[in-house]
Amino acid sequence: MEERVRGLRLLPDEYDQVLRLGRFRRDHPAVVVGAGNGWWQAVIPASDGEIVTTRYTLRALLGQAR
């Protein structure tokens, strides 16, 4: 798990967001959340396709994607 958390590129004050991400994934299994080089992205299914949201912090992404 530690290696996986390091690979997520979290800000030092965002480690609590890993737990929040786990709860988010449990509550919204159809939403795909991933990380890139300095950004986080959620792909949210919609009736006419999908909505893609990109933010620079996990906290901001989870706030937007709820």
C-alpha atoms as a PDB file:
ATOM      1  CA  MET A   1       0.000   0.000   0.000  1.00  0.00           C
ATOM      2  CA  GLU A   2       2.783   2.493   0.793  1.00  0.00           C
ATOM      3  CA  GLU A   3       4.218   2.188  -2.714  1.00  0.00           C
ATOM      4  CA  ARG A   4       0.777   2.745  -4.206  1.00  0.00           C
ATOM      5  CA  VAL A   5       0.174   5.846  -2.085  1.00  0.00           C
ATOM      6  CA  ARG A   6       3.546   7.316  -3.118  1.00  0.00           C
ATOM      7  CA  GLY A   7       2.624   6.792  -6.771  1.00  0.00           C
ATOM      8  CA  LEU A   8      -0.541   8.839  -6.354  1.00  0.00           C
ATOM      9  CA  ARG A   9       1.399  12.142  -6.117  1.00  0.00           C
ATOM     10  CA  LEU A  10      -0.439  13.440  -3.084  1.00  0.00           C
ATOM     11  CA  LEU A  11       0.320  16.771  -1.502  1.00  0.00           C
ATOM     12  CA  PRO A  12       1.688  16.464   2.047  1.00  0.00           C
ATOM     13  CA  ASP A  13      -1.602  17.637   3.560  1.00  0.00           C
ATOM     14  CA  GLU A  14      -3.750  15.294   1.417  1.00  0.00           C
ATOM     15  CA  TYR A  15      -2.985  11.889   2.920  1.00  0.00           C
ATOM     16  CA  ASP A  16      -6.422  11.923   4.571  1.00  0.00           C
ATOM     17  CA  GLN A  17      -7.882  12.108   1.065  1.00  0.00           C
ATOM     18  CA  VAL A  18      -6.774   8.516   0.378  1.00  0.00           C
ATOM     19  CA  LEU A  19      -9.401   7.335   2.869  1.00  0.00           C
ATOM     20  CA  ARG A  20     -11.925   9.672   1.296  1.00  0.00           C
ATOM     21  CA  LEU A  21     -11.059   8.263  -2.139  1.00  0.00           C
ATOM     22  CA  GLY A  22     -11.678   4.737  -0.853  1.00  0.00           C
ATOM     23  CA  ARG A  23     -15.126   5.732   0.417  1.00  0.00           C
ATOM     24  CA  PHE A  24     -15.848   7.570  -2.849  1.00  0.00           C
ATOM     25  CA  ARG A  25     -14.933   4.505  -4.919  1.00  0.00           C
ATOM     26  CA  ARG A  26     -17.115   2.302  -2.691  1.00  0.00           C
ATOM     27  CA  ASP A  27     -20.088   4.668  -3.016  1.00  0.00           C
ATOM     28  CA  HIS A  28     -19.613   5.396  -6.758  1.00  0.00           C
ATOM     29  CA  PRO A  29     -18.233   2.225  -8.396  1.00  0.00           C
ATOM     30  CA  ALA A  30     -19.070   3.422 -11.924  1.00  0.00           C
ATOM     31  CA  VAL A  31     -16.826   6.496 -11.620  1.00  0.00           C
ATOM     32  CA  VAL A  32     -13.228   5.912 -12.698  1.00  0.00           C
ATOM     33  CA  VAL A  33     -10.684   7.999 -10.766  1.00  0.00           C
ATOM     34  CA  GLY A  34      -7.051   8.121 -11.829  1.00  0.00           C
ATOM     35  CA  ALA A  35      -3.952  10.252 -11.572  1.00  0.00           C
ATOM     36  CA  GLY A  36      -1.525  11.562 -14.140  1.00  0.00           C
ATOM     37  CA  ASN A  37       1.568  13.735 -14.033  1.00  0.00           C
ATOM     38  CA  GLY A  38       0.401  16.441 -11.639  1.00  0.00           C
ATOM     39  CA  TRP A  39      -3.354  15.998 -12.088  1.00  0.00           C
ATOM     40  CA  TRP A  40      -6.289  13.867 -10.990  1.00  0.00           C
ATOM     41  CA  GLN A  41      -9.151  12.895 -13.261  1.00  0.00           C
ATOM     42  CA  ALA A  42     -12.618  11.379 -12.860  1.00  0.00           C
ATOM     43  CA  VAL A  43     -14.642   9.840 -15.669  1.00  0.00           C
ATOM     44  CA  ILE A  44     -18.302   9.995 -14.684  1.00  0.00           C
ATOM     45  CA  PRO A  45     -20.903   8.053 -16.685  1.00  0.00           C
ATOM     46  CA  ALA A  46     -23.794  10.132 -18.023  1.00  0.00           C
ATOM     47  CA  SER A  47     -26.911   9.250 -20.008  1.00  0.00           C
ATOM     48  CA  ASP A  48     -25.423  10.811 -23.157  1.00  0.00           C
ATOM     49  CA  GLY A  49     -21.826   9.609 -22.738  1.00  0.00           C
ATOM     50  CA  GLU A  50     -19.470  10.585 -19.956  1.00  0.00           C
ATOM     51  CA  ILE A  51     -18.212  13.624 -18.113  1.00  0.00           C
ATOM     52  CA  VAL A  52     -14.470  14.009 -17.624  1.00  0.00           C
ATOM     53  CA  THR A  53     -13.311  16.228 -14.771  1.00  0.00           C
ATOM     54  CA  THR A  54      -9.644  17.119 -14.183  1.00  0.00           C
ATOM     55  CA  ARG A  55      -8.219  18.846 -11.110  1.00  0.00           C
ATOM     56  CA  TYR A  56      -4.731  19.410  -9.728  1.00  0.00           C
ATOM     57  CA  THR A  57      -5.456  18.029  -6.258  1.00  0.00           C
ATOM     58  CA  LEU A  58      -7.347  14.978  -5.078  1.00  0.00           C
ATOM     59  CA  ARG A  59      -9.251  17.138  -2.586  1.00  0.00           C
ATOM     60  CA  ALA A  60     -10.514  19.388  -5.401  1.00  0.00           C
ATOM     61  CA  LEU A  61     -11.444  16.425  -7.597  1.00  0.00           C
ATOM     62  CA  LEU A  62     -13.434  14.649  -4.908  1.00  0.00           C
ATOM     63  CA  GLY A  63     -15.182  17.913  -4.069  1.00  0.00           C
ATOM     64  CA  GLN A  64     -16.159  18.388  -7.714  1.00  0.00           C
ATOM     65  CA  ALA A  65     -17.095  14.776  -8.519  1.00  0.00           C
ATOM     66  CA  ARG A  66     -19.552  14.176  -5.683  1.00  0.00           C
END
